[in-house]
């Protein structure tokens, strides 16, 4: 049940539609029954083969009954040669699928407020161009009404949080933690139109603060007994997360769960060495470690920071926001995403014999990552494995070393 309608926005985040049409490329488009009936009646645009019944057990898809099929090249059936929506052109914005009208706005409903955010699938979001979200309160209010009709948010879900698995974290205690951390988060950027920077280091400090609240800190280091050396376990974890988030063919791969059995089997087998990446793109960790990213361009660092910041601000990293991971495991997963992104940058530099990655190349990596995180459907087994492997502060220190 919704508790609050106060909409909070992240600092320094901008968006105005750039008509890039990237949201019409490859992304699945779920339809409500009303969407389906309305659009299927828009003859001659719609044909029966345009739609496919959608049957999903995922809670966040219960409002949707069909999906729009894509053309062979991955574009939406209603995308014109000018990269414009034919439905919008011919029948107005209200005729478009609800999810298209909502994009790229996202909302997280907590007991205290509604947190507004944006999807990194949007080119304008990636470039942080357009109007500040703080200047879009009327738009956000109307978009939130649309969101509520699709996803039926329940703020009560945030009352059952965990510090680590088995150690409860009441919302009021988390809120105090979150408020205290905000002082650190915004300490270097006092202006309302500036997003915070140096997110990885700040998240590390927040993790240390959370660790200080554990009743028994050694509980965070519990993990299955494995023959593999700890560093090899770290590398296997990163390898499988990279495969999940960056499959060889992101548009054909429809497996949105971690292969927990294969990952555990590899850890039990105790290999002597592990590579990062797949196929011809695979590289040895030693080669990746040898590349230092201390000289990344400011716009590259800023883009990564904004990605981490929006997921943190909107609470899409733990609890109901991310597969009910505990706060500590969720924080460590967020910093692990940071490490994987930096390893992908190193991998790209090796593959292309380049000294730096371009903004556009990193933007495409983030677009792929956003797509996979949005579609993720982790099994209970995968959630449990991530909870165990990600909670360890010692493992996080080792993993962070790889991203330097």
Protein backbone atom coordinates (compact mmCIF):
# COMPACT_ATOMS: atom_id res chain seq x y z
CA UNK A 1 0.00 0.00 0.00
CA UNK A 2 1.36 3.40 -0.93
CA UNK A 3 2.39 5.46 2.06
CA UNK A 4 3.72 8.68 0.58
CA UNK A 5 3.32 10.74 -2.57
CA UNK A 6 6.24 13.11 -1.93
CA UNK A 7 8.51 12.81 -4.96
CA UNK A 8 12.24 13.21 -4.36
CA UNK A 9 14.70 13.68 -7.23
CA UNK A 10 18.43 13.02 -7.53
CA UNK A 11 20.75 16.01 -7.74
CA UNK A 12 22.15 17.22 -11.02
CA UNK A 13 20.30 14.69 -13.18
CA UNK A 14 18.81 15.89 -16.46
CA UNK A 15 16.56 14.54 -19.16
CA UNK A 16 14.67 15.79 -22.20
CA UNK A 17 13.74 13.41 -25.00
CA UNK A 18 16.26 13.63 -27.85
CA UNK A 19 14.16 11.54 -30.30
CA UNK A 20 17.10 9.13 -30.67
CA UNK A 21 14.73 6.11 -31.00
CA UNK A 22 17.10 3.90 -28.99
CA UNK A 23 14.19 2.90 -26.76
CA UNK A 24 12.56 1.45 -29.92
CA UNK A 25 15.56 -0.76 -30.70
CA UNK A 26 15.78 -4.30 -29.29
CA UNK A 27 14.08 -3.50 -25.98
CA UNK A 28 11.03 -5.65 -25.22
CA UNK A 29 7.75 -3.72 -25.11
CA UNK A 30 5.20 -5.25 -22.73
CA UNK A 31 1.54 -4.30 -23.25
CA UNK A 32 -1.35 -4.17 -20.85
CA UNK A 33 -4.65 -5.63 -22.01
CA UNK A 34 -5.89 -2.08 -22.67
CA UNK A 35 -2.75 -1.35 -24.69
CA UNK A 36 -3.24 -4.52 -26.70
CA UNK A 37 -6.89 -3.87 -27.48
CA UNK A 38 -6.26 -0.23 -28.36
CA UNK A 39 -3.23 -0.81 -30.60
CA UNK A 40 -4.56 -3.96 -32.25
CA UNK A 41 -7.55 -1.88 -33.34
CA UNK A 42 -5.41 0.73 -35.07
CA UNK A 43 -5.83 -0.76 -38.54
CA UNK A 44 -3.94 -0.85 -40.85
CA UNK A 45 -0.90 -0.48 -38.56
CA UNK A 46 -1.46 -3.54 -36.45
CA UNK A 47 -1.46 -7.18 -37.51
CA UNK A 48 -2.01 -10.24 -35.35
CA UNK A 49 1.58 -11.41 -35.77
CA UNK A 50 2.70 -8.09 -34.28
CA UNK A 51 1.69 -9.30 -30.81
CA UNK A 52 2.72 -12.23 -28.66
CA UNK A 53 0.93 -13.33 -25.48
CA UNK A 54 3.03 -12.70 -22.39
CA UNK A 55 2.94 -15.20 -19.55
CA UNK A 56 5.33 -14.34 -16.77
CA UNK A 57 5.57 -15.26 -13.09
CA UNK A 58 7.54 -12.10 -12.39
CA UNK A 59 5.64 -9.86 -10.01
CA UNK A 60 6.55 -6.65 -11.83
CA UNK A 61 5.06 -7.95 -15.10
CA UNK A 62 1.63 -8.96 -13.82
CA UNK A 63 -0.07 -5.93 -15.40
CA UNK A 64 1.11 -6.96 -18.87
CA UNK A 65 -0.61 -9.51 -21.11
CA UNK A 66 1.24 -9.20 -24.46
CA UNK A 67 4.47 -7.99 -25.98
CA UNK A 68 5.19 -6.22 -29.23
CA UNK A 69 7.24 -8.39 -31.56
CA UNK A 70 10.34 -6.95 -33.20
CA UNK A 71 11.41 -6.98 -36.81
CA UNK A 72 14.34 -9.18 -37.78
CA UNK A 73 16.68 -6.22 -37.39
CA UNK A 74 15.47 -5.68 -33.82
CA UNK A 75 13.45 -2.51 -34.42
CA UNK A 76 9.87 -1.96 -33.25
CA UNK A 77 7.14 -2.83 -35.75
CA UNK A 78 5.84 0.75 -35.41
CA UNK A 79 9.15 2.55 -35.98
CA UNK A 80 9.13 4.56 -39.20
CA UNK A 81 12.02 5.00 -41.65
CA UNK A 82 12.54 8.41 -40.04
CA UNK A 83 12.99 6.69 -36.65
CA UNK A 84 9.70 8.06 -35.35
CA UNK A 85 6.81 6.21 -33.73
CA UNK A 86 3.98 5.69 -36.23
CA UNK A 87 1.44 5.32 -33.42
CA UNK A 88 2.50 8.66 -31.94
CA UNK A 89 2.52 10.32 -35.36
CA UNK A 90 -0.88 9.07 -36.49
CA UNK A 91 -2.88 8.78 -33.27
CA UNK A 92 -1.15 10.89 -30.60
CA UNK A 93 0.98 10.14 -27.55
CA UNK A 94 -1.93 8.71 -25.53
CA UNK A 95 -2.31 5.89 -28.06
CA UNK A 96 1.24 4.60 -27.43
CA UNK A 97 1.92 1.62 -25.13
CA UNK A 98 1.90 2.63 -21.48
CA UNK A 99 5.48 1.51 -20.95
CA UNK A 100 6.63 3.68 -23.88
CA UNK A 101 4.88 6.72 -22.44
CA UNK A 102 6.53 6.07 -19.07
CA UNK A 103 10.07 5.63 -20.42
CA UNK A 104 12.69 6.56 -19.21
CA UNK A 105 11.19 7.58 -15.87
CA UNK A 106 11.33 5.07 -13.01
CA UNK A 107 10.06 5.28 -9.44
CA UNK A 108 10.79 3.54 -6.15
CA UNK A 109 8.11 3.85 -3.47
CA UNK A 110 9.41 3.75 0.10
CA UNK A 111 7.58 4.38 3.38
CA UNK A 112 8.79 8.00 3.39
CA UNK A 113 8.85 9.15 -0.23
CA UNK A 114 8.70 8.32 -3.90
CA UNK A 115 12.18 8.30 -5.43
CA UNK A 116 12.27 9.39 -9.08
CA UNK A 117 15.01 8.18 -11.39
CA UNK A 118 15.82 7.48 -15.05
CA UNK A 119 16.84 4.55 -17.23
CA UNK A 120 20.31 4.53 -18.79
CA UNK A 121 18.82 3.01 -21.93
CA UNK A 122 18.07 6.60 -22.97
CA UNK A 123 20.72 8.49 -24.93
CA UNK A 124 19.71 11.77 -23.27
CA UNK A 125 20.11 10.16 -19.83
CA UNK A 126 23.53 8.82 -20.79
CA UNK A 127 24.63 12.31 -21.86
CA UNK A 128 22.77 13.97 -18.95
CA UNK A 129 21.21 16.48 -21.32
CA UNK A 130 17.96 18.40 -21.04
CA UNK A 131 16.03 19.79 -18.10
CA UNK A 132 16.90 19.04 -14.49
CA UNK A 133 14.53 16.54 -12.88
CA UNK A 134 14.08 19.09 -10.10
CA UNK A 135 12.39 21.33 -12.70
CA UNK A 136 10.03 18.58 -13.87
CA UNK A 137 7.81 18.07 -10.85
CA UNK A 138 4.56 18.34 -12.85
CA UNK A 139 5.83 15.82 -15.40
CA UNK A 140 7.06 13.50 -12.65
CA UNK A 141 3.69 13.68 -10.90
CA UNK A 142 1.80 12.62 -14.02
CA UNK A 143 4.36 9.96 -14.88
CA UNK A 144 4.11 8.56 -11.37
CA UNK A 145 0.34 8.20 -11.77
CA UNK A 146 0.99 6.15 -14.92
CA UNK A 147 3.64 4.10 -13.07
CA UNK A 148 1.24 3.27 -10.22
CA UNK A 149 -1.30 1.89 -12.66
CA UNK A 150 1.28 -0.48 -14.13
CA UNK A 151 3.31 -1.69 -11.17
CA UNK A 152 1.11 -1.35 -8.06
CA UNK A 153 3.92 -0.20 -5.73
CA UNK A 154 3.90 -1.40 -2.13
CA UNK A 155 5.94 0.65 0.33
CA UNK A 156 5.39 -1.96 3.04
CA UNK A 157 7.93 -4.23 1.32
CA UNK A 158 10.66 -1.91 2.63
CA UNK A 159 9.78 -2.73 6.23
CA UNK A 160 11.49 -6.16 5.99
CA UNK A 161 15.12 -5.34 5.27
CA UNK A 162 18.28 -7.10 6.40
CA UNK A 163 21.68 -5.77 7.37
CA UNK A 164 23.13 -9.13 6.35
CA UNK A 165 21.25 -12.38 5.84
CA UNK A 166 19.53 -13.24 9.12
CA UNK A 167 20.05 -9.83 10.78
CA UNK A 168 16.98 -7.61 10.51
CA UNK A 169 17.24 -3.92 9.59
CA UNK A 170 14.06 -1.95 10.40
CA UNK A 171 13.27 0.81 7.90
CA UNK A 172 13.69 3.54 10.53
CA UNK A 173 17.25 2.30 11.24
CA UNK A 174 18.09 2.15 7.54
CA UNK A 175 16.65 5.65 7.05
CA UNK A 176 18.99 7.02 9.72
CA UNK A 177 21.92 5.29 8.01
CA UNK A 178 20.83 6.67 4.66
CA UNK A 179 20.45 10.21 6.01
CA UNK A 180 23.91 10.07 7.61
CA UNK A 181 25.43 8.78 4.38
CA UNK A 182 23.82 11.59 2.39
CA UNK A 183 26.08 14.04 4.19
CA UNK A 184 29.10 12.18 2.81
CA UNK A 185 27.47 11.63 -0.58
CA UNK A 186 26.93 15.33 -1.24
CA UNK A 187 29.86 16.69 0.76
CA UNK A 188 31.91 17.62 -2.32
CA UNK A 189 28.96 18.96 -4.32
CA UNK A 190 26.88 21.45 -2.37
CA UNK A 191 25.10 22.84 -5.43
CA UNK A 192 21.68 21.38 -6.19
CA UNK A 193 22.48 21.06 -9.91
CA UNK A 194 25.62 18.93 -9.37
CA UNK A 195 25.54 15.14 -9.09
CA UNK A 196 27.93 13.61 -6.54
CA UNK A 197 31.29 12.29 -7.68
CA UNK A 198 33.78 9.62 -6.52
CA UNK A 199 30.92 7.22 -5.87
CA UNK A 200 32.97 4.01 -5.58
CA UNK A 201 35.04 5.42 -2.71
CA UNK A 202 31.96 6.81 -0.97
CA UNK A 203 30.15 3.48 -1.28
CA UNK A 204 33.19 1.78 0.22
CA UNK A 205 33.00 4.11 3.23
CA UNK A 206 29.27 3.42 3.56
CA UNK A 207 30.05 -0.31 3.53
CA UNK A 208 32.50 0.21 6.40
CA UNK A 209 29.80 2.04 8.36
CA UNK A 210 27.36 -0.83 7.79
CA UNK A 211 29.98 -3.38 8.84
CA UNK A 212 30.37 -1.49 12.12
CA UNK A 213 26.72 -2.23 12.94
CA UNK A 214 27.01 -6.02 12.58
CA UNK A 215 26.43 -7.94 15.80
CA UNK A 216 29.07 -10.46 14.75
CA UNK A 217 31.32 -9.13 11.94
CA UNK A 218 32.66 -12.63 11.21
CA UNK A 219 29.17 -13.59 9.94
CA UNK A 220 29.86 -11.51 6.83
CA UNK A 221 32.79 -13.78 5.93
CA UNK A 222 30.87 -17.06 5.94
CA UNK A 223 31.04 -18.99 2.67
CA UNK A 224 31.06 -22.58 1.40
CA UNK A 225 34.28 -24.53 1.91
CA UNK A 226 36.03 -24.51 -1.42
CA UNK A 227 39.31 -25.86 -2.71
CA UNK A 228 39.84 -22.86 -4.95
CA UNK A 229 42.07 -20.09 -3.70
CA UNK A 230 40.15 -16.98 -2.59
CA UNK A 231 41.40 -14.89 -5.52
CA UNK A 232 40.27 -17.57 -7.96
CA UNK A 233 36.81 -17.56 -6.32
CA UNK A 234 36.71 -13.77 -6.83
CA UNK A 235 37.63 -14.14 -10.48
CA UNK A 236 35.04 -16.88 -11.07
CA UNK A 237 32.35 -14.68 -9.51
CA UNK A 238 33.29 -11.76 -11.76
CA UNK A 239 33.49 -14.04 -14.80
CA UNK A 240 29.93 -15.34 -14.32
CA UNK A 241 28.48 -11.93 -13.52
CA UNK A 242 30.12 -10.59 -16.70
CA UNK A 243 28.52 -13.40 -18.70
CA UNK A 244 25.14 -12.60 -17.17
CA UNK A 245 25.32 -8.84 -17.76
CA UNK A 246 27.22 -8.82 -21.06
CA UNK A 247 26.28 -11.98 -23.01
CA UNK A 248 27.92 -12.52 -26.38
CA UNK A 249 24.63 -11.69 -28.13
CA UNK A 250 22.58 -9.51 -25.80
CA UNK A 251 19.62 -9.40 -28.21
CA UNK A 252 19.25 -13.18 -28.58
CA UNK A 253 20.23 -14.31 -25.09
CA UNK A 254 17.05 -14.60 -23.03
CA UNK A 255 18.62 -16.19 -19.93
CA UNK A 256 18.31 -13.65 -17.16
CA UNK A 257 19.49 -15.79 -14.27
CA UNK A 258 22.95 -16.54 -12.95
CA UNK A 259 24.17 -20.07 -13.72
CA UNK A 260 24.74 -20.75 -10.04
CA UNK A 261 25.34 -24.47 -10.51
CA UNK A 262 28.04 -23.93 -13.15
CA UNK A 263 29.66 -21.21 -11.05
CA UNK A 264 29.78 -23.39 -7.94
CA UNK A 265 31.06 -26.34 -10.00
CA UNK A 266 33.90 -24.22 -11.30
CA UNK A 267 34.79 -23.11 -7.78
CA UNK A 268 34.79 -26.71 -6.56
CA UNK A 269 37.02 -27.78 -9.46
CA UNK A 270 39.70 -25.36 -8.24
CA UNK A 271 41.14 -24.20 -11.59
CA UNK A 272 44.58 -22.63 -11.61
CA UNK A 273 43.62 -19.70 -13.79
CA UNK A 274 40.49 -17.87 -14.97
CA UNK A 275 39.90 -15.46 -17.84
CA UNK A 276 37.51 -12.52 -17.93
CA UNK A 277 35.15 -12.32 -20.90
CA UNK A 278 33.94 -14.74 -23.52
CA UNK A 279 35.29 -16.24 -26.73
CA UNK A 280 37.82 -14.14 -28.59
CA UNK A 281 37.25 -11.26 -26.15
CA UNK A 282 38.44 -13.27 -23.12
CA UNK A 283 41.52 -11.87 -21.42
CA UNK A 284 43.65 -13.03 -18.51
CA UNK A 285 43.19 -11.13 -15.27
CA UNK A 286 46.95 -10.53 -15.11
CA UNK A 287 46.73 -8.62 -18.42
CA UNK A 288 43.77 -6.58 -17.17
CA UNK A 289 45.48 -5.76 -13.88
CA UNK A 290 48.52 -4.48 -15.76
CA UNK A 291 46.40 -1.69 -17.29
CA UNK A 292 45.82 1.24 -14.95
CA UNK A 293 42.77 3.49 -15.36
CA UNK A 294 43.97 6.41 -13.26
CA UNK A 295 43.93 8.66 -16.32
CA UNK A 296 40.35 8.15 -17.49
CA UNK A 297 38.77 11.25 -19.02
CA UNK A 298 36.56 13.24 -16.60
CA UNK A 299 33.43 12.62 -18.72
CA UNK A 300 34.05 8.86 -18.50
CA UNK A 301 34.41 8.90 -14.72
CA UNK A 302 31.37 11.18 -14.45
CA UNK A 303 29.24 8.81 -16.53
CA UNK A 304 30.14 5.82 -14.33
CA UNK A 305 29.50 7.89 -11.20
CA UNK A 306 26.04 8.91 -12.45
CA UNK A 307 25.15 5.28 -13.15
CA UNK A 308 26.14 4.23 -9.63
CA UNK A 309 24.49 7.29 -8.11
CA UNK A 310 21.09 6.74 -9.73
CA UNK A 311 20.99 3.08 -8.69
CA UNK A 312 21.94 4.05 -5.15
CA UNK A 313 19.57 7.01 -4.94
CA UNK A 314 16.61 5.00 -6.21
CA UNK A 315 17.47 2.05 -3.91
CA UNK A 316 17.79 -0.31 -6.88
CA UNK A 317 20.66 -2.16 -5.22
CA UNK A 318 19.18 -4.11 -2.29
CA UNK A 319 15.97 -5.24 -0.62
CA UNK A 320 12.83 -4.94 -2.81
CA UNK A 321 14.90 -2.79 -5.18
CA UNK A 322 17.24 -5.66 -6.10
CA UNK A 323 16.15 -9.23 -5.48
CA UNK A 324 15.94 -8.80 -1.70
CA UNK A 325 19.68 -8.78 -1.12
CA UNK A 326 20.77 -7.57 2.30
CA UNK A 327 22.11 -4.03 2.61
CA UNK A 328 25.75 -5.15 2.81
CA UNK A 329 25.51 -7.63 -0.08
CA UNK A 330 23.61 -5.06 -2.15
CA UNK A 331 26.23 -2.37 -1.55
CA UNK A 332 28.95 -4.81 -2.53
CA UNK A 333 27.04 -5.81 -5.66
CA UNK A 334 26.85 -2.15 -6.64
CA UNK A 335 30.59 -1.69 -6.21
CA UNK A 336 31.13 -4.99 -8.05
CA UNK A 337 29.22 -3.53 -11.02
CA UNK A 338 31.70 -0.66 -10.88
CA UNK A 339 34.59 -3.13 -10.99
CA UNK A 340 33.07 -5.10 -13.89
CA UNK A 341 32.57 -1.88 -15.88
CA UNK A 342 36.20 -0.91 -15.37
CA UNK A 343 37.36 -4.40 -16.32
CA UNK A 344 35.23 -4.13 -19.48
CA UNK A 345 36.97 -0.83 -20.24
CA UNK A 346 40.37 -2.49 -19.82
CA UNK A 347 39.23 -5.40 -21.98
CA UNK A 348 38.05 -3.01 -24.71
CA UNK A 349 41.36 -1.15 -24.62
CA UNK A 350 43.29 -4.41 -25.05
CA UNK A 351 41.06 -5.62 -27.88
CA UNK A 352 41.33 -2.32 -29.73
CA UNK A 353 44.95 -1.55 -28.84
CA UNK A 354 43.75 1.80 -27.53
CA UNK A 355 44.87 4.07 -24.71
CA UNK A 356 41.33 5.11 -23.79
CA UNK A 357 37.69 4.25 -24.34
CA UNK A 358 35.33 6.71 -26.00
CA UNK A 359 32.22 8.10 -24.34
CA UNK A 360 30.03 6.39 -26.94
CA UNK A 361 31.63 2.98 -26.35
CA UNK A 362 31.14 3.25 -22.58
CA UNK A 363 27.58 4.49 -23.12
CA UNK A 364 26.81 1.33 -25.10
CA UNK A 365 28.27 -0.83 -22.32
CA UNK A 366 26.03 0.93 -19.80
CA UNK A 367 23.00 0.58 -22.06
CA UNK A 368 23.60 -3.20 -22.24
CA UNK A 369 24.09 -3.41 -18.48
CA UNK A 370 20.91 -1.44 -17.81
CA UNK A 371 18.95 -3.75 -20.11
CA UNK A 372 20.17 -6.88 -18.34
CA UNK A 373 19.60 -5.48 -14.85
CA UNK A 374 16.07 -4.52 -15.84
CA UNK A 375 15.31 -8.00 -17.19
CA UNK A 376 17.09 -9.95 -14.44
CA UNK A 377 15.08 -12.83 -12.97
CA UNK A 378 17.27 -14.46 -10.32
CA UNK A 379 16.34 -17.82 -8.83
CA UNK A 380 16.36 -18.36 -5.06
CA UNK A 381 19.58 -20.36 -5.51
CA UNK A 382 21.28 -17.50 -7.33
CA UNK A 383 20.12 -14.96 -4.75
CA UNK A 384 21.49 -17.10 -1.93
CA UNK A 385 24.84 -17.54 -3.65
CA UNK A 386 25.19 -13.82 -4.30
CA UNK A 387 24.25 -13.07 -0.70
CA UNK A 388 27.01 -15.34 0.58
CA UNK A 389 29.74 -14.35 -1.87
CA UNK A 390 29.07 -10.61 -1.92
CA UNK A 391 28.77 -10.02 1.83
CA UNK A 392 32.49 -10.49 2.50
CA UNK A 393 34.31 -7.15 3.06
CA UNK A 394 37.62 -8.95 2.51
CA UNK A 395 36.47 -10.17 -0.91
CA UNK A 396 35.33 -6.66 -1.80
CA UNK A 397 38.77 -5.27 -1.01
CA UNK A 398 40.37 -7.83 -3.32
CA UNK A 399 37.83 -7.25 -6.09
CA UNK A 400 38.23 -3.46 -5.92
CA UNK A 401 41.99 -3.90 -6.44
CA UNK A 402 41.25 -5.30 -9.92
CA UNK A 403 39.58 -2.08 -11.02
CA UNK A 404 42.49 0.29 -10.36
